[in-house]
Amino acid sequence: MASYLILTPPDGADRDDDRTRFIRDGFSWRAFLFPTLWMLYHRLWLHAAAAFLLQGVGLGLMRQPGLFAAGAAIIIGVRMLAALEGQHAFYRGLAGRGWKTEGLISAHNLATAEEIHFSGIEPKAEEDIQANNWDIPSRSNIHTGRGGSTFGLPGYDGGR
């Protein structure tokens, strides 16, 4: 199940606004495969410039004899960083431009997250079930000669 951050526009839009953004927290394949283009699309100008320069350095190192592994590590590192932290950078960019964080929703997909948010229904919290009686009598007719549990595990009374 994924988590979605909900952001509303700076002008204080109503609950059913089409401009409400849902940002998924997790790995982004698009950011991994095309980090610079993904960052440009999401208006992360400085991040895109840094990714472009670092990937250029990585390609330059890959062409040098004996430095192929270092160049590949830089390129893979930039791609992993973009895929894992790109969504957070996008969120920080929107928050810096005045977008307001309205909440966090856990859902299986974007459509479910939108449905939960726009319906206004709060998800039901799981109740913590407490046992009334932990003194469970043994139903076994076999008597082991000692009380408590077997295999050296602590019994219900906490002893061995």
N, C-alpha and C. Protein backbone atom coordinates (compact mmCIF):
# COMPACT_ATOMS: atom_id res chain seq x y z
N MET A 1 0.84 -1.16 0.00
CA MET A 1 0.00 0.00 0.00
C MET A 1 0.89 1.23 0.00
N ALA A 2 0.55 2.19 -0.81
CA ALA A 2 1.36 3.40 -0.96
C ALA A 2 0.76 4.55 -0.15
N SER A 3 1.60 5.52 0.15
CA SER A 3 1.16 6.73 0.83
C SER A 3 1.13 7.86 -0.18
N TYR A 4 0.10 8.69 -0.09
CA TYR A 4 -0.06 9.83 -0.97
C TYR A 4 -0.16 11.10 -0.15
N LEU A 5 0.70 12.08 -0.43
CA LEU A 5 0.61 13.40 0.18
C LEU A 5 -0.39 14.21 -0.62
N ILE A 6 -1.25 14.95 0.06
CA ILE A 6 -2.26 15.75 -0.60
C ILE A 6 -1.87 17.21 -0.46
N LEU A 7 -1.77 17.91 -1.59
CA LEU A 7 -1.43 19.32 -1.60
C LEU A 7 -2.53 20.11 -2.28
N THR A 8 -2.90 21.24 -1.67
CA THR A 8 -3.91 22.11 -2.26
C THR A 8 -3.23 23.39 -2.74
N PRO A 9 -3.80 24.04 -3.74
CA PRO A 9 -3.19 25.25 -4.31
C PRO A 9 -3.08 26.39 -3.30
N PRO A 10 -2.20 27.33 -3.55
CA PRO A 10 -2.00 28.43 -2.60
C PRO A 10 -3.21 29.35 -2.46
N ASP A 11 -4.11 29.37 -3.46
CA ASP A 11 -5.25 30.27 -3.38
C ASP A 11 -6.38 29.73 -2.51
N GLY A 12 -6.15 28.63 -1.80
CA GLY A 12 -7.15 28.09 -0.89
C GLY A 12 -8.35 27.52 -1.61
N ALA A 13 -8.12 26.60 -2.52
CA ALA A 13 -9.20 26.02 -3.31
C ALA A 13 -10.14 25.20 -2.44
N ASP A 14 -11.34 24.97 -2.97
CA ASP A 14 -12.33 24.19 -2.22
C ASP A 14 -11.99 22.71 -2.25
N ARG A 15 -12.80 21.92 -1.60
CA ARG A 15 -12.54 20.49 -1.40
C ARG A 15 -12.57 19.70 -2.71
N ASP A 16 -13.33 20.12 -3.70
CA ASP A 16 -13.47 19.37 -4.96
C ASP A 16 -12.65 19.98 -6.09
N ASP A 17 -11.57 20.65 -5.77
CA ASP A 17 -10.77 21.33 -6.78
C ASP A 17 -10.00 20.32 -7.63
N ASP A 18 -9.95 20.60 -8.93
CA ASP A 18 -9.22 19.73 -9.86
C ASP A 18 -7.72 19.92 -9.76
N ARG A 19 -7.29 21.01 -9.16
CA ARG A 19 -5.86 21.29 -9.07
C ARG A 19 -5.22 20.66 -7.84
N THR A 20 -5.95 19.96 -7.02
CA THR A 20 -5.37 19.27 -5.86
C THR A 20 -4.38 18.24 -6.36
N ARG A 21 -3.18 18.22 -5.77
CA ARG A 21 -2.12 17.30 -6.20
C ARG A 21 -1.99 16.15 -5.21
N PHE A 22 -1.80 14.97 -5.74
CA PHE A 22 -1.54 13.77 -4.95
C PHE A 22 -0.14 13.30 -5.34
N ILE A 23 0.77 13.30 -4.38
CA ILE A 23 2.16 12.91 -4.64
C ILE A 23 2.41 11.58 -3.95
N ARG A 24 2.73 10.57 -4.74
CA ARG A 24 2.98 9.23 -4.22
C ARG A 24 4.37 9.17 -3.60
N ASP A 25 4.42 8.60 -2.41
CA ASP A 25 5.70 8.41 -1.74
C ASP A 25 6.22 7.04 -2.12
N GLY A 26 7.29 6.99 -2.87
CA GLY A 26 7.84 5.71 -3.27
C GLY A 26 8.76 5.85 -4.47
N PHE A 27 9.21 4.72 -4.97
CA PHE A 27 10.14 4.65 -6.09
C PHE A 27 9.43 5.08 -7.37
N SER A 28 10.10 5.90 -8.18
CA SER A 28 9.54 6.37 -9.45
C SER A 28 10.39 5.84 -10.60
N TRP A 29 9.80 4.96 -11.41
CA TRP A 29 10.53 4.42 -12.54
C TRP A 29 10.84 5.48 -13.58
N ARG A 30 9.93 6.42 -13.77
CA ARG A 30 10.17 7.48 -14.75
C ARG A 30 11.38 8.32 -14.34
N ALA A 31 11.47 8.63 -13.05
CA ALA A 31 12.61 9.41 -12.57
C ALA A 31 13.91 8.59 -12.66
N PHE A 32 13.83 7.28 -12.52
CA PHE A 32 15.02 6.44 -12.64
C PHE A 32 15.51 6.38 -14.09
N LEU A 33 14.58 6.20 -15.02
CA LEU A 33 14.96 6.04 -16.42
C LEU A 33 15.36 7.35 -17.08
N PHE A 34 14.68 8.45 -16.73
CA PHE A 34 14.94 9.76 -17.34
C PHE A 34 15.04 10.83 -16.26
N PRO A 35 16.09 10.82 -15.45
CA PRO A 35 16.13 11.73 -14.31
C PRO A 35 16.09 13.21 -14.67
N THR A 36 16.87 13.64 -15.65
CA THR A 36 16.91 15.06 -15.99
C THR A 36 15.59 15.52 -16.58
N LEU A 37 15.03 14.74 -17.50
CA LEU A 37 13.75 15.12 -18.09
C LEU A 37 12.63 15.11 -17.05
N TRP A 38 12.65 14.15 -16.15
CA TRP A 38 11.63 14.08 -15.10
C TRP A 38 11.70 15.32 -14.21
N MET A 39 12.91 15.73 -13.86
CA MET A 39 13.08 16.91 -13.01
C MET A 39 12.67 18.19 -13.75
N LEU A 40 12.98 18.29 -15.04
CA LEU A 40 12.55 19.46 -15.81
C LEU A 40 11.03 19.52 -15.90
N TYR A 41 10.40 18.38 -16.10
CA TYR A 41 8.94 18.33 -16.18
C TYR A 41 8.29 18.81 -14.88
N HIS A 42 8.90 18.48 -13.76
CA HIS A 42 8.36 18.87 -12.45
C HIS A 42 8.94 20.20 -11.94
N ARG A 43 9.59 20.95 -12.82
CA ARG A 43 10.12 22.28 -12.53
C ARG A 43 11.14 22.29 -11.40
N LEU A 44 11.97 21.29 -11.36
CA LEU A 44 13.07 21.23 -10.39
C LEU A 44 14.35 21.62 -11.15
N TRP A 45 14.47 22.91 -11.45
CA TRP A 45 15.50 23.40 -12.34
C TRP A 45 16.91 23.13 -11.84
N LEU A 46 17.20 23.46 -10.60
CA LEU A 46 18.56 23.26 -10.08
C LEU A 46 18.90 21.78 -9.94
N HIS A 47 17.91 20.98 -9.53
CA HIS A 47 18.13 19.54 -9.43
C HIS A 47 18.44 18.95 -10.82
N ALA A 48 17.70 19.41 -11.83
CA ALA A 48 17.91 18.92 -13.19
C ALA A 48 19.30 19.30 -13.70
N ALA A 49 19.72 20.53 -13.41
CA ALA A 49 21.06 20.96 -13.85
C ALA A 49 22.14 20.12 -13.17
N ALA A 50 21.97 19.88 -11.86
CA ALA A 50 22.95 19.06 -11.14
C ALA A 50 22.97 17.63 -11.68
N ALA A 51 21.80 17.06 -11.94
CA ALA A 51 21.74 15.70 -12.48
C ALA A 51 22.39 15.63 -13.85
N PHE A 52 22.14 16.64 -14.69
CA PHE A 52 22.73 16.67 -16.03
C PHE A 52 24.25 16.74 -15.95
N LEU A 53 24.77 17.62 -15.08
CA LEU A 53 26.22 17.75 -14.94
C LEU A 53 26.86 16.48 -14.37
N LEU A 54 26.23 15.90 -13.35
CA LEU A 54 26.79 14.68 -12.76
C LEU A 54 26.76 13.51 -13.74
N GLN A 55 25.70 13.42 -14.53
CA GLN A 55 25.67 12.35 -15.53
C GLN A 55 26.71 12.59 -16.62
N GLY A 56 26.96 13.85 -16.97
CA GLY A 56 28.03 14.16 -17.92
C GLY A 56 29.40 13.78 -17.38
N VAL A 57 29.62 14.06 -16.09
CA VAL A 57 30.88 13.65 -15.45
C VAL A 57 31.00 12.13 -15.46
N GLY A 58 29.89 11.46 -15.16
CA GLY A 58 29.90 9.99 -15.15
C GLY A 58 30.22 9.43 -16.53
N LEU A 59 29.62 10.00 -17.58
CA LEU A 59 29.92 9.54 -18.94
C LEU A 59 31.37 9.82 -19.30
N GLY A 60 31.90 10.96 -18.89
CA GLY A 60 33.30 11.27 -19.14
C GLY A 60 34.23 10.28 -18.45
N LEU A 61 33.90 9.92 -17.22
CA LEU A 61 34.73 8.93 -16.51
C LEU A 61 34.63 7.55 -17.13
N MET A 62 33.46 7.21 -17.65
CA MET A 62 33.29 5.89 -18.27
C MET A 62 34.15 5.74 -19.52
N ARG A 63 34.46 6.84 -20.18
CA ARG A 63 35.28 6.79 -21.40
C ARG A 63 36.77 6.69 -21.10
N GLN A 64 37.16 7.00 -19.89
CA GLN A 64 38.57 6.93 -19.52
C GLN A 64 38.94 5.48 -19.15
N PRO A 65 40.13 5.04 -19.54
CA PRO A 65 40.52 3.67 -19.21
C PRO A 65 40.67 3.50 -17.69
N GLY A 66 40.05 2.47 -17.19
CA GLY A 66 40.16 2.13 -15.77
C GLY A 66 39.17 2.85 -14.88
N LEU A 67 38.38 3.77 -15.40
CA LEU A 67 37.43 4.52 -14.58
C LEU A 67 35.98 4.23 -14.96
N PHE A 68 35.77 3.16 -15.71
CA PHE A 68 34.41 2.82 -16.14
C PHE A 68 33.49 2.58 -14.94
N ALA A 69 33.98 1.86 -13.94
CA ALA A 69 33.15 1.53 -12.76
C ALA A 69 32.78 2.79 -11.98
N ALA A 70 33.71 3.73 -11.86
CA ALA A 70 33.42 4.97 -11.14
C ALA A 70 32.35 5.79 -11.87
N GLY A 71 32.46 5.87 -13.19
CA GLY A 71 31.47 6.60 -13.98
C GLY A 71 30.10 5.96 -13.92
N ALA A 72 30.08 4.63 -14.02
CA ALA A 72 28.80 3.91 -13.93
C ALA A 72 28.18 4.09 -12.55
N ALA A 73 29.00 4.11 -11.51
CA ALA A 73 28.49 4.29 -10.14
C ALA A 73 27.87 5.68 -9.99
N ILE A 74 28.48 6.69 -10.59
CA ILE A 74 27.93 8.04 -10.52
C ILE A 74 26.59 8.11 -11.24
N ILE A 75 26.52 7.53 -12.42
CA ILE A 75 25.27 7.56 -13.19
C ILE A 75 24.16 6.79 -12.47
N ILE A 76 24.47 5.60 -11.98
CA ILE A 76 23.47 4.81 -11.25
C ILE A 76 23.07 5.53 -9.96
N GLY A 77 24.03 6.16 -9.30
CA GLY A 77 23.72 6.90 -8.07
C GLY A 77 22.77 8.07 -8.32
N VAL A 78 23.00 8.81 -9.40
CA VAL A 78 22.12 9.93 -9.74
C VAL A 78 20.72 9.41 -10.04
N ARG A 79 20.64 8.32 -10.78
CA ARG A 79 19.33 7.75 -11.13
C ARG A 79 18.61 7.23 -9.89
N MET A 80 19.30 6.56 -9.00
CA MET A 80 18.67 6.06 -7.78
C MET A 80 18.21 7.20 -6.88
N LEU A 81 19.03 8.22 -6.78
CA LEU A 81 18.66 9.38 -5.97
C LEU A 81 17.42 10.07 -6.54
N ALA A 82 17.37 10.20 -7.85
CA ALA A 82 16.19 10.81 -8.48
C ALA A 82 14.96 9.94 -8.28
N ALA A 83 15.11 8.64 -8.38
CA ALA A 83 13.96 7.74 -8.25
C ALA A 83 13.45 7.66 -6.82
N LEU A 84 14.34 7.71 -5.84
CA LEU A 84 13.92 7.56 -4.45
C LEU A 84 13.55 8.89 -3.80
N GLU A 85 14.24 9.97 -4.14
CA GLU A 85 14.02 11.25 -3.47
C GLU A 85 13.41 12.31 -4.37
N GLY A 86 13.16 12.00 -5.63
CA GLY A 86 12.60 12.98 -6.55
C GLY A 86 11.22 13.45 -6.14
N GLN A 87 10.36 12.53 -5.69
CA GLN A 87 9.01 12.91 -5.27
C GLN A 87 9.08 13.87 -4.08
N HIS A 88 10.00 13.63 -3.16
CA HIS A 88 10.13 14.51 -2.00
C HIS A 88 10.61 15.90 -2.44
N ALA A 89 11.54 15.95 -3.38
CA ALA A 89 12.01 17.24 -3.89
C ALA A 89 10.86 17.97 -4.59
N PHE A 90 10.02 17.25 -5.31
CA PHE A 90 8.86 17.85 -5.96
C PHE A 90 7.90 18.42 -4.92
N TYR A 91 7.67 17.66 -3.85
CA TYR A 91 6.81 18.13 -2.76
C TYR A 91 7.38 19.39 -2.12
N ARG A 92 8.68 19.40 -1.85
CA ARG A 92 9.32 20.57 -1.23
C ARG A 92 9.24 21.79 -2.16
N GLY A 93 9.35 21.56 -3.46
CA GLY A 93 9.23 22.66 -4.41
C GLY A 93 7.83 23.26 -4.41
N LEU A 94 6.80 22.41 -4.38
CA LEU A 94 5.43 22.92 -4.33
C LEU A 94 5.16 23.62 -3.00
N ALA A 95 5.64 23.06 -1.91
CA ALA A 95 5.44 23.68 -0.60
C ALA A 95 6.15 25.03 -0.54
N GLY A 96 7.28 25.15 -1.18
CA GLY A 96 7.99 26.42 -1.22
C GLY A 96 7.27 27.48 -2.03
N ARG A 97 6.43 27.05 -2.99
CA ARG A 97 5.65 27.99 -3.79
C ARG A 97 4.29 28.30 -3.17
N GLY A 98 4.05 27.84 -1.94
CA GLY A 98 2.83 28.20 -1.25
C GLY A 98 1.75 27.13 -1.21
N TRP A 99 1.98 25.97 -1.79
CA TRP A 99 0.99 24.90 -1.73
C TRP A 99 0.90 24.40 -0.29
N LYS A 100 -0.30 24.06 0.13
CA LYS A 100 -0.54 23.64 1.52
C LYS A 100 -0.73 22.14 1.60
N THR A 101 -0.05 21.52 2.57
CA THR A 101 -0.21 20.09 2.79
C THR A 101 -1.50 19.86 3.55
N GLU A 102 -2.40 19.12 2.93
CA GLU A 102 -3.69 18.89 3.55
C GLU A 102 -3.75 17.58 4.32
N GLY A 103 -2.97 16.61 3.91
CA GLY A 103 -3.00 15.35 4.64
C GLY A 103 -2.18 14.28 3.95
N LEU A 104 -2.31 13.08 4.50
CA LEU A 104 -1.61 11.90 4.01
C LEU A 104 -2.61 10.76 3.99
N ILE A 105 -2.67 10.06 2.87
CA ILE A 105 -3.62 8.95 2.73
C ILE A 105 -2.84 7.71 2.29
N SER A 106 -3.17 6.58 2.89
CA SER A 106 -2.63 5.30 2.45
C SER A 106 -3.68 4.62 1.59
N ALA A 107 -3.29 4.26 0.37
CA ALA A 107 -4.23 3.63 -0.56
C ALA A 107 -3.45 2.73 -1.51
N HIS A 108 -4.18 1.83 -2.18
CA HIS A 108 -3.53 0.91 -3.12
C HIS A 108 -3.13 1.59 -4.42
N ASN A 109 -3.90 2.62 -4.85
CA ASN A 109 -3.58 3.32 -6.08
C ASN A 109 -4.10 4.75 -6.00
N LEU A 110 -3.80 5.54 -7.02
CA LEU A 110 -4.16 6.96 -7.03
C LEU A 110 -5.67 7.15 -7.04
N ALA A 111 -6.38 6.33 -7.79
CA ALA A 111 -7.84 6.48 -7.86
C ALA A 111 -8.48 6.27 -6.49
N THR A 112 -8.01 5.29 -5.75
CA THR A 112 -8.54 5.04 -4.41
C THR A 112 -8.19 6.19 -3.47
N ALA A 113 -7.00 6.73 -3.58
CA ALA A 113 -6.60 7.86 -2.73
C ALA A 113 -7.47 9.09 -3.02
N GLU A 114 -7.74 9.35 -4.29
CA GLU A 114 -8.61 10.47 -4.64
C GLU A 114 -10.02 10.25 -4.12
N GLU A 115 -10.52 9.03 -4.24
CA GLU A 115 -11.86 8.72 -3.77
C GLU A 115 -11.98 8.91 -2.26
N ILE A 116 -10.98 8.47 -1.52
CA ILE A 116 -10.99 8.63 -0.06
C ILE A 116 -10.95 10.11 0.30
N HIS A 117 -10.09 10.87 -0.36
CA HIS A 117 -9.94 12.29 -0.03
C HIS A 117 -11.20 13.09 -0.35
N PHE A 118 -11.73 12.92 -1.55
CA PHE A 118 -12.86 13.74 -1.97
C PHE A 118 -14.19 13.28 -1.38
N SER A 119 -14.25 12.07 -0.84
CA SER A 119 -15.50 11.63 -0.21
C SER A 119 -15.65 12.24 1.18
N GLY A 120 -14.55 12.63 1.78
CA GLY A 120 -14.61 13.24 3.11
C GLY A 120 -14.79 12.23 4.22
N ILE A 121 -14.77 10.97 3.90
CA ILE A 121 -14.94 9.93 4.91
C ILE A 121 -13.57 9.57 5.45
N GLU A 122 -13.46 9.61 6.76
CA GLU A 122 -12.21 9.23 7.40
C GLU A 122 -12.10 7.71 7.42
N PRO A 123 -10.94 7.15 7.08
CA PRO A 123 -10.78 5.70 7.16
C PRO A 123 -10.87 5.24 8.61
N LYS A 124 -11.54 4.12 8.80
CA LYS A 124 -11.74 3.59 10.14
C LYS A 124 -10.43 3.03 10.68
N ALA A 125 -10.08 3.46 11.87
CA ALA A 125 -8.86 2.97 12.50
C ALA A 125 -9.09 1.57 13.03
N GLU A 126 -8.06 0.75 12.93
CA GLU A 126 -8.18 -0.60 13.44
C GLU A 126 -8.21 -0.57 14.96
N GLU A 127 -9.12 -1.34 15.52
CA GLU A 127 -9.25 -1.38 16.96
C GLU A 127 -8.22 -2.34 17.55
N ASP A 128 -7.73 -1.98 18.72
CA ASP A 128 -6.79 -2.83 19.42
C ASP A 128 -7.59 -3.81 20.28
N ILE A 129 -7.57 -5.06 19.92
CA ILE A 129 -8.36 -6.07 20.62
C ILE A 129 -7.58 -6.58 21.82
N GLN A 130 -8.19 -6.52 22.97
CA GLN A 130 -7.57 -6.98 24.21
C GLN A 130 -8.19 -8.32 24.61
N ALA A 131 -7.37 -9.23 25.06
CA ALA A 131 -7.88 -10.51 25.54
C ALA A 131 -8.37 -10.36 26.97
N ASN A 132 -9.48 -10.98 27.27
CA ASN A 132 -10.04 -10.88 28.61
C ASN A 132 -9.35 -11.81 29.59
N ASN A 133 -8.99 -13.00 29.13
CA ASN A 133 -8.45 -13.99 30.04
C ASN A 133 -7.28 -14.71 29.36
N TRP A 134 -6.09 -14.51 29.89
CA TRP A 134 -4.93 -15.17 29.33
C TRP A 134 -4.64 -16.51 29.99
N ASP A 135 -5.37 -16.88 31.01
CA ASP A 135 -5.18 -18.18 31.66
C ASP A 135 -5.97 -19.23 30.90
N ILE A 136 -5.37 -19.71 29.83
CA ILE A 136 -6.04 -20.68 28.98
C ILE A 136 -5.70 -22.07 29.50
N PRO A 137 -6.71 -22.84 29.87
CA PRO A 137 -6.44 -24.19 30.37
C PRO A 137 -5.99 -25.11 29.23
N SER A 138 -5.11 -26.02 29.58
CA SER A 138 -4.61 -26.98 28.60
C SER A 138 -5.69 -28.00 28.32
N ARG A 139 -5.94 -28.27 27.06
CA ARG A 139 -6.96 -29.26 26.69
C ARG A 139 -6.33 -30.62 26.42
N SER A 140 -5.05 -30.69 26.58
CA SER A 140 -4.35 -31.94 26.32
C SER A 140 -4.50 -32.88 27.52
N ASN A 141 -4.70 -34.15 27.24
CA ASN A 141 -4.79 -35.16 28.29
C ASN A 141 -3.41 -35.69 28.66
N ILE A 142 -2.41 -35.31 27.91
CA ILE A 142 -1.05 -35.79 28.16
C ILE A 142 -0.42 -34.87 29.19
N HIS A 143 0.10 -35.46 30.27
CA HIS A 143 0.73 -34.69 31.33
C HIS A 143 2.24 -34.84 31.17
N THR A 144 2.96 -33.73 31.04
CA THR A 144 4.40 -33.78 30.81
C THR A 144 5.19 -33.87 32.09
N GLY A 145 4.56 -33.75 33.23
CA GLY A 145 5.27 -33.86 34.49
C GLY A 145 5.71 -32.53 35.04
N ARG A 146 5.57 -31.47 34.29
CA ARG A 146 5.91 -30.15 34.78
C ARG A 146 4.89 -29.16 34.23
N GLY A 147 4.75 -28.06 34.90
CA GLY A 147 3.80 -27.04 34.47
C GLY A 147 4.43 -26.11 33.46
N GLY A 148 3.63 -25.27 32.86
CA GLY A 148 4.15 -24.28 31.92
C GLY A 148 4.19 -24.82 30.50
N SER A 149 4.84 -24.08 29.66
CA SER A 149 4.88 -24.44 28.25
C SER A 149 6.05 -25.39 27.98
N THR A 150 6.12 -25.87 26.76
CA THR A 150 7.17 -26.82 26.39
C THR A 150 8.28 -26.12 25.63
N PHE A 151 9.35 -26.82 25.37
CA PHE A 151 10.50 -26.36 24.61
C PHE A 151 11.21 -25.17 25.24
N GLY A 152 11.06 -24.95 26.52
CA GLY A 152 11.76 -23.87 27.19
C GLY A 152 11.21 -22.49 26.92
N LEU A 153 10.05 -22.42 26.28
CA LEU A 153 9.45 -21.12 26.02
C LEU A 153 8.73 -20.63 27.26
N PRO A 154 8.67 -19.33 27.49
CA PRO A 154 7.96 -18.83 28.66
C PRO A 154 6.48 -19.13 28.55
N GLY A 155 5.88 -19.48 29.66
CA GLY A 155 4.45 -19.76 29.68
C GLY A 155 3.66 -18.47 29.82
N TYR A 156 2.38 -18.64 29.96
CA TYR A 156 1.51 -17.47 30.05
C TYR A 156 1.74 -16.68 31.33
N ASP A 157 2.25 -17.36 32.36
CA ASP A 157 2.48 -16.65 33.61
C ASP A 157 3.86 -15.99 33.63
N GLY A 158 4.61 -16.12 32.58
CA GLY A 158 5.90 -15.46 32.48
C GLY A 158 7.06 -16.30 32.99
N GLY A 159 6.81 -17.48 33.53
CA GLY A 159 7.89 -18.33 34.02
C GLY A 159 8.41 -19.27 32.97
N ARG A 160 9.44 -20.03 33.35
CA ARG A 160 9.99 -21.03 32.42
C ARG A 160 9.61 -22.40 32.87
